[in-house]
Protein backbone atom coordinates (compact mmCIF):
# COMPACT_ATOMS: atom_id res chain seq x y z
CA MET A 1 21.09 46.50 -61.69
CA SER A 2 20.70 42.77 -62.24
CA LEU A 3 18.97 40.48 -59.72
CA LYS A 4 22.31 38.87 -58.93
CA ASP A 5 23.86 42.24 -58.17
CA LYS A 6 20.91 43.15 -55.95
CA LEU A 7 21.31 39.86 -54.05
CA THR A 8 25.04 40.47 -53.65
CA GLU A 9 24.37 43.95 -52.25
CA LEU A 10 21.71 42.61 -49.87
CA ARG A 11 24.09 39.93 -48.62
CA GLN A 12 26.88 42.41 -47.97
CA LYS A 13 24.59 44.86 -46.16
CA GLY A 14 22.94 42.06 -44.20
CA LEU A 15 26.26 40.60 -43.06
CA THR A 16 27.39 44.06 -41.95
CA ASP A 17 24.17 44.71 -40.01
CA ILE A 18 24.36 41.30 -38.37
CA GLN A 19 27.95 41.85 -37.24
CA GLN A 20 27.05 45.27 -35.82
CA SER A 21 23.98 44.02 -33.92
CA GLY A 22 24.29 44.70 -30.20
CA ASP A 23 21.81 42.33 -28.63
CA LEU A 24 19.48 39.43 -29.34
CA LYS A 25 16.60 41.78 -30.06
CA ASP A 26 18.58 43.42 -32.90
CA VAL A 27 19.47 40.00 -34.32
CA ASN A 28 15.82 38.98 -34.38
CA GLN A 29 14.77 42.23 -36.08
CA ILE A 30 17.46 41.78 -38.76
CA ARG A 31 16.31 38.20 -39.36
CA VAL A 32 12.72 39.31 -39.90
CA SER A 33 13.67 42.28 -42.10
CA LEU A 34 16.03 40.27 -44.34
CA LEU A 35 14.47 36.82 -44.49
CA GLY A 36 10.81 37.53 -43.78
CA LYS A 37 8.02 37.19 -46.35
CA LYS A 38 8.06 40.93 -46.94
CA GLY A 39 11.83 41.26 -46.86
CA PRO A 40 14.08 42.56 -49.70
CA ILE A 41 15.29 39.10 -50.70
CA THR A 42 11.72 37.97 -51.26
CA GLU A 43 11.08 41.15 -53.33
CA VAL A 44 14.12 40.49 -55.51
CA LEU A 45 13.14 36.89 -56.12
CA ARG A 46 9.75 37.98 -57.39
CA GLY A 47 11.53 39.54 -60.34
CA MET A 48 12.72 36.10 -61.44
CA ARG A 49 9.55 35.71 -63.50
CA ASP A 50 10.92 38.26 -65.97
CA LEU A 51 14.14 36.28 -66.53
CA ASP A 52 14.83 33.84 -69.31
CA ALA A 53 14.20 30.24 -68.40
CA SER A 54 17.92 29.50 -68.68
CA GLU A 55 18.81 32.19 -66.11
CA ARG A 56 16.27 31.30 -63.46
CA PRO A 57 18.08 28.23 -62.05
CA LYS A 58 21.35 30.16 -61.70
CA VAL A 59 19.71 33.11 -59.96
CA GLY A 60 17.66 30.77 -57.76
CA ALA A 61 20.75 28.87 -56.68
CA PHE A 62 22.56 32.11 -55.92
CA ALA A 63 19.55 33.37 -53.92
CA ASN A 64 19.62 30.18 -51.80
CA GLU A 65 23.33 30.69 -51.23
CA VAL A 66 22.72 34.26 -50.04
CA ARG A 67 19.89 33.12 -47.78
CA ASP A 68 22.10 30.38 -46.28
CA ASP A 69 24.97 32.83 -45.69
CA LEU A 70 22.67 35.24 -43.88
CA THR A 71 21.00 32.44 -41.86
CA ASN A 72 24.40 31.07 -40.73
CA ALA A 73 25.63 34.57 -39.88
CA LEU A 74 22.50 35.19 -37.81
CA ALA A 75 22.91 31.88 -35.93
CA LYS A 76 26.58 32.60 -35.25
CA ARG A 77 25.87 36.13 -34.01
CA ARG A 78 23.02 34.87 -31.82
CA GLU A 79 25.35 32.32 -30.21
CA GLU A 80 28.02 34.99 -29.63
CA LEU A 81 25.53 37.30 -27.95
CA GLU A 82 24.02 34.50 -25.84
CA ASN A 83 27.49 33.52 -24.64
CA ALA A 84 28.26 37.15 -23.84
CA VAL A 85 25.07 37.41 -21.75
CA LEU A 86 25.89 34.16 -19.92
CA ASN A 87 29.50 35.19 -19.23
CA ALA A 88 28.35 38.57 -17.90
CA ARG A 89 25.88 36.85 -15.60
CA LEU A 90 28.48 34.35 -14.38
CA ALA A 91 30.94 37.17 -13.70
CA LYS A 92 28.30 39.03 -11.74
CA GLU A 93 27.28 35.97 -9.73
CA THR A 94 30.76 34.59 -9.09
CA LEU A 95 31.03 32.73 -5.78
CA ASP A 96 34.38 32.88 -4.05
CA VAL A 97 34.77 29.29 -2.94
CA THR A 98 37.84 30.22 -0.89
CA LEU A 99 35.69 32.16 1.58
CA PRO A 100 35.19 30.33 4.88
CA GLY A 101 31.76 28.79 5.30
CA THR A 102 29.27 29.65 8.00
CA PRO A 103 30.32 27.66 11.06
CA VAL A 104 27.85 25.01 12.22
CA ALA A 105 27.74 24.16 15.90
CA LYS A 106 28.60 20.51 16.52
CA GLY A 107 26.12 18.73 18.72
CA GLU A 108 26.63 15.94 21.22
CA PRO A 109 24.43 13.07 22.35
CA HIS A 110 22.17 13.97 25.27
CA VAL A 111 23.91 13.29 28.58
CA ILE A 112 21.43 10.50 29.44
CA GLN A 113 22.01 8.92 26.04
CA GLN A 114 25.75 9.11 26.73
CA ILE A 115 25.24 7.11 29.94
CA ILE A 116 23.04 4.55 28.11
CA ASP A 117 25.59 4.20 25.30
CA GLN A 118 28.36 3.63 27.83
CA ILE A 119 26.32 0.94 29.61
CA GLU A 120 25.46 -0.74 26.31
CA ASP A 121 29.09 -0.74 25.17
CA LEU A 122 30.19 -2.30 28.47
CA PHE A 123 27.65 -5.13 28.41
CA LEU A 124 28.09 -5.84 24.69
CA GLY A 125 31.76 -6.37 25.49
CA MET A 126 30.70 -8.84 28.20
CA GLY A 127 28.65 -10.90 25.75
CA TYR A 128 25.19 -9.51 26.52
CA GLN A 129 22.42 -8.82 24.01
CA VAL A 130 20.86 -5.35 23.87
CA LEU A 131 17.10 -5.77 23.35
CA SER A 132 14.32 -3.21 23.18
CA GLY A 133 10.58 -3.72 23.59
CA PRO A 134 7.28 -1.84 23.31
CA GLU A 135 6.58 1.13 25.55
CA VAL A 136 2.84 0.40 25.32
CA GLU A 137 2.79 -2.96 27.08
CA GLU A 138 0.44 -5.69 28.26
CA ASP A 139 -0.35 -5.96 31.95
CA LYS A 140 0.60 -9.63 31.65
CA TYR A 141 4.24 -8.88 30.83
CA ASN A 142 4.64 -5.68 32.83
CA PHE A 143 3.25 -7.05 36.10
CA GLU A 144 1.90 -10.59 36.15
CA MET A 145 4.96 -12.35 34.71
CA MET A 146 7.10 -10.26 37.05
CA ASN A 147 5.37 -11.98 40.01
CA LEU A 148 2.99 -9.06 40.53
CA PRO A 149 -0.53 -10.53 40.17
CA LYS A 150 -3.56 -8.30 40.00
CA ASN A 151 -4.31 -6.46 43.27
CA HIS A 152 -0.77 -7.11 44.57
CA PRO A 153 0.04 -4.22 46.95
CA ALA A 154 3.49 -3.73 45.40
CA ARG A 155 1.76 -2.48 42.24
CA ASP A 156 0.99 0.76 44.08
CA MET A 157 4.69 1.64 43.89
CA GLN A 158 4.48 1.45 40.09
CA ASP A 159 1.15 3.10 39.39
CA THR A 160 1.12 3.99 35.70
CA PHE A 161 -0.97 5.26 32.79
CA TYR A 162 -3.53 2.73 31.54
CA ILE A 163 -4.79 2.63 27.96
CA THR A 164 -7.26 -0.15 28.80
CA LYS A 165 -7.51 -2.51 31.76
CA GLU A 166 -4.95 -4.79 30.14
CA ILE A 167 -2.82 -2.30 28.17
CA LEU A 168 -0.62 0.28 29.85
CA MET A 169 2.50 2.41 29.55
CA ARG A 170 5.26 0.19 30.87
CA THR A 171 6.64 1.02 34.31
CA GLN A 172 9.92 -0.82 33.74
CA THR A 173 11.83 -2.49 30.90
CA SER A 174 11.45 -5.85 32.70
CA PRO A 175 8.65 -6.97 30.32
CA MET A 176 11.32 -7.52 27.70
CA GLN A 177 12.97 -9.98 30.08
CA ALA A 178 9.75 -12.00 30.31
CA ARG A 179 9.25 -11.92 26.55
CA THR A 180 12.83 -13.08 25.96
CA LEU A 181 12.67 -15.78 28.64
CA GLU A 182 9.62 -17.29 26.91
CA LYS A 183 11.49 -17.66 23.62
CA HIS A 184 15.06 -18.37 24.66
CA ASP A 185 16.50 -21.79 23.82
CA PHE A 186 18.79 -22.67 26.71
CA SER A 187 20.23 -25.61 24.77
CA GLN A 188 22.03 -22.94 22.73
CA GLY A 189 23.57 -21.29 25.78
CA PRO A 190 22.74 -18.95 28.69
CA LEU A 191 20.58 -15.85 28.42
CA LYS A 192 22.49 -12.60 28.99
CA MET A 193 20.66 -9.42 28.08
CA ILE A 194 20.06 -5.79 28.92
CA SER A 195 16.99 -3.83 27.91
CA PRO A 196 17.29 -0.01 27.81
CA GLY A 197 14.37 2.32 27.21
CA VAL A 198 11.85 4.87 28.44
CA VAL A 199 9.42 3.94 31.23
CA TYR A 200 6.43 5.70 32.80
CA ARG A 201 5.08 6.13 36.32
CA ARG A 202 2.25 8.24 37.66
CA ASP A 203 4.64 10.35 39.70
CA THR A 204 4.42 14.05 40.44
CA ASP A 205 7.40 15.77 38.85
CA ASP A 206 9.86 17.17 41.38
CA PRO A 207 13.67 17.46 41.63
CA THR A 208 14.10 13.67 42.03
CA HIS A 209 11.00 12.22 40.31
CA SER A 210 9.56 12.31 36.81
CA HIS A 211 6.51 10.72 35.19
CA GLN A 212 8.85 9.59 32.38
CA PHE A 213 12.43 8.45 32.79
CA HIS A 214 14.95 5.91 31.50
CA GLN A 215 15.85 2.46 32.68
CA VAL A 216 18.34 -0.23 31.75
CA GLU A 217 17.46 -3.63 33.12
CA GLY A 218 19.79 -6.61 32.96
CA LEU A 219 19.15 -10.33 33.18
CA VAL A 220 21.42 -13.38 33.30
CA ILE A 221 19.94 -16.90 33.39
CA ASP A 222 22.08 -20.04 33.38
CA LYS A 223 23.02 -22.96 35.57
CA HIS A 224 24.99 -22.24 38.76
CA VAL A 225 24.66 -18.43 38.72
CA THR A 226 25.23 -16.95 42.19
CA MET A 227 24.96 -13.67 44.09
CA ALA A 228 28.74 -13.39 43.74
CA ASP A 229 28.27 -13.15 39.95
CA LEU A 230 25.77 -10.35 40.49
CA LYS A 231 28.09 -8.37 42.77
CA GLY A 232 31.01 -8.82 40.38
CA THR A 233 28.92 -7.55 37.50
CA LEU A 234 27.78 -4.51 39.46
CA GLN A 235 31.36 -3.83 40.52
CA VAL A 236 32.44 -3.74 36.86
CA LEU A 237 29.52 -1.44 36.03
CA ALA A 238 30.39 0.97 38.86
CA HIS A 239 34.04 1.11 37.82
CA GLU A 240 33.08 1.76 34.21
CA LEU A 241 30.74 4.64 35.01
CA PHE A 242 32.35 6.19 38.07
CA GLY A 243 35.97 5.01 38.22
CA ASP A 244 38.08 2.35 39.87
CA LYS A 245 38.08 4.06 43.26
CA PHE A 246 34.42 3.25 43.84
CA ASP A 247 33.34 0.13 45.68
CA VAL A 248 29.93 -1.60 45.74
CA ARG A 249 28.00 -2.96 48.70
CA LEU A 250 24.74 -4.90 48.73
CA ARG A 251 21.96 -4.39 51.30
CA PRO A 252 18.94 -6.66 51.79
CA SER A 253 15.76 -5.31 50.20
CA TYR A 254 12.50 -6.48 48.65
CA PHE A 255 11.34 -6.72 45.04
CA PRO A 256 8.53 -9.08 43.98
CA PHE A 257 10.48 -10.43 41.02
CA THR A 258 13.74 -11.29 42.85
CA GLU A 259 14.51 -13.40 45.92
CA PRO A 260 16.75 -12.57 47.64
CA SER A 261 16.64 -8.90 46.69
CA VAL A 262 19.26 -6.23 47.31
CA GLU A 263 19.85 -2.53 47.03
CA ALA A 264 23.26 -1.71 45.58
CA ASP A 265 25.22 1.26 46.96
CA ILE A 266 28.46 2.75 45.70
CA THR A 267 31.08 4.73 47.56
CA CYS A 268 29.99 8.35 47.90
CA PHE A 269 31.52 10.33 45.04
CA ASN A 270 31.55 13.49 47.14
CA CYS A 271 33.46 12.33 50.21
CA GLY A 272 35.06 9.10 49.00
CA GLY A 273 33.32 7.08 51.72
CA LYS A 274 34.23 9.26 54.68
CA GLY A 275 30.71 10.56 55.26
CA CYS A 276 29.15 13.88 54.25
CA ASN A 277 25.81 15.60 53.84
CA VAL A 278 25.37 14.14 50.34
CA CYS A 279 25.48 10.54 51.60
CA LYS A 280 23.93 11.44 54.97
CA ASN A 281 27.23 10.56 56.65
CA THR A 282 27.01 6.90 55.61
CA GLY A 283 29.78 7.00 53.01
CA TRP A 284 27.46 5.25 50.52
CA ILE A 285 24.92 6.28 47.88
CA GLU A 286 22.11 4.04 46.69
CA VAL A 287 22.23 3.56 42.91
CA LEU A 288 20.17 0.52 41.86
CA GLY A 289 18.08 -2.50 42.81
CA ALA A 290 18.94 -6.10 42.01
CA GLY A 291 18.59 -9.68 43.16
CA MET A 292 18.36 -13.33 42.19
CA VAL A 293 15.45 -14.01 39.83
CA HIS A 294 12.38 -15.28 41.70
CA PRO A 295 11.48 -18.92 40.89
CA ASN A 296 7.91 -17.84 40.05
CA VAL A 297 9.23 -15.56 37.28
CA LEU A 298 11.10 -18.49 35.77
CA LYS A 299 8.12 -20.82 36.06
CA MET A 300 5.74 -18.39 34.34
CA ALA A 301 8.19 -18.13 31.45
CA GLY A 302 8.41 -21.92 31.14
CA VAL A 303 11.91 -22.22 32.65
CA ASP A 304 12.63 -24.88 35.25
CA PRO A 305 13.86 -23.04 38.42
CA ASP A 306 15.36 -26.29 39.75
CA VAL A 307 17.79 -26.31 36.81
CA TYR A 308 18.26 -22.66 35.93
CA GLY A 309 18.68 -19.53 37.97
CA GLY A 310 20.17 -16.11 37.61
CA PHE A 311 20.19 -12.48 38.58
CA ALA A 312 18.50 -9.29 37.45
CA PHE A 313 19.26 -5.64 38.04
CA GLY A 314 17.76 -2.28 37.14
CA VAL A 315 19.82 0.82 36.43
CA GLY A 316 18.45 4.37 36.17
CA PRO A 317 20.60 6.34 33.68
CA ASP A 318 18.91 9.55 34.81
CA ARG A 319 19.94 8.91 38.42
CA PHE A 320 23.43 7.83 37.37
CA ALA A 321 23.81 11.10 35.44
CA MET A 322 22.62 13.10 38.45
CA LEU A 323 25.11 11.34 40.72
CA LYS A 324 28.02 11.47 38.32
CA TYR A 325 27.67 15.16 37.45
CA GLY A 326 26.16 16.51 40.65
CA VAL A 327 22.86 17.55 39.06
CA ASP A 328 20.31 18.39 41.75
CA ASP A 329 17.11 18.46 39.63
CA ILE A 330 16.17 15.66 37.23
CA ARG A 331 13.92 18.06 35.31
CA ASN A 332 16.99 19.85 33.94
CA PHE A 333 17.58 16.88 31.66
CA TYR A 334 14.22 17.38 29.93
CA LEU A 335 13.95 21.16 29.58
CA ASN A 336 16.12 21.21 26.43
CA ASP A 337 18.13 24.14 27.74
CA VAL A 338 21.20 24.10 25.51
CA ARG A 339 23.19 26.06 28.08
CA PHE A 340 22.73 23.19 30.51
CA LEU A 341 23.14 20.31 28.05
CA THR A 342 26.33 21.61 26.41
CA GLN A 343 28.17 21.17 29.69
CA PHE A 344 28.24 17.43 29.00
CA THR A 345 30.37 17.34 25.87
CA LYS A 346 32.45 14.34 26.82
CA LYS A 347 30.80 10.95 26.43
CA GLY A 348 30.11 9.13 29.66
């Protein structure tokens, strides 16, 4: 049998074996057995030395053709088997995208944050700025510029956590008022701002007190601002948070940073002003403190109190939430009990 016939037979057998191979391992074994250094094609080509010089190029070219045919057949079969493996895996791991997904519970803002957001939205609509300041504050801004000099007895009501003698955890968001007053350019218009945030007091936690709570303080400074402007503003705030049926009354009080100072009450939400055990039969519930800004506060901020004046007020979102929803223990807001918090799913 000539070398060409042997190569033809090897090609035919090789192509048949390749087509019948069942997996990638078989394909690799066939490649090694046919095309390896010790394979039959290599053995046949060794016999080319016995051929005439004129025959060698023809047989060599034919041998390359056989080798190429087998190499291409191997590559094609390998691709077919790889695709078959991939398709089988895809079929096994098919994901039915029409199946409903695992439901995810939709959260809501914390009830106190809902109250703060509602207050912010109201005052933004009235042209106020919403400003935030540092919780770790200087004694200068937290007390002294609020007309509470060192050793002032009113400081006892706001005992707090001190980092150093001059650095403390703020007891109110009023320091942001002092900081803003120092920088405000009244030639560009009046100052109207609220400052929401967390404040700290050295209080013993009980149903109505917490060492950490929230506050929103407001400030308006301009020419010709009166107590009537303050009451009108508080009336709008009460209507926004509690409804149009609620009225506001002002009672004389004392705060070092305002003069005159007032406590603001709203109509009792439980009895509608008729008198009950919730309001101690007065028909009113105390909700916030306010007053006209003390001239000393303006002076310390570099504002002339003979030209400018205004009012300030402090709102406790925690207390507002307790009043609005009838919560009897402020600590419930901070225990992160989802059963309690999910009751407040409607903003405001």
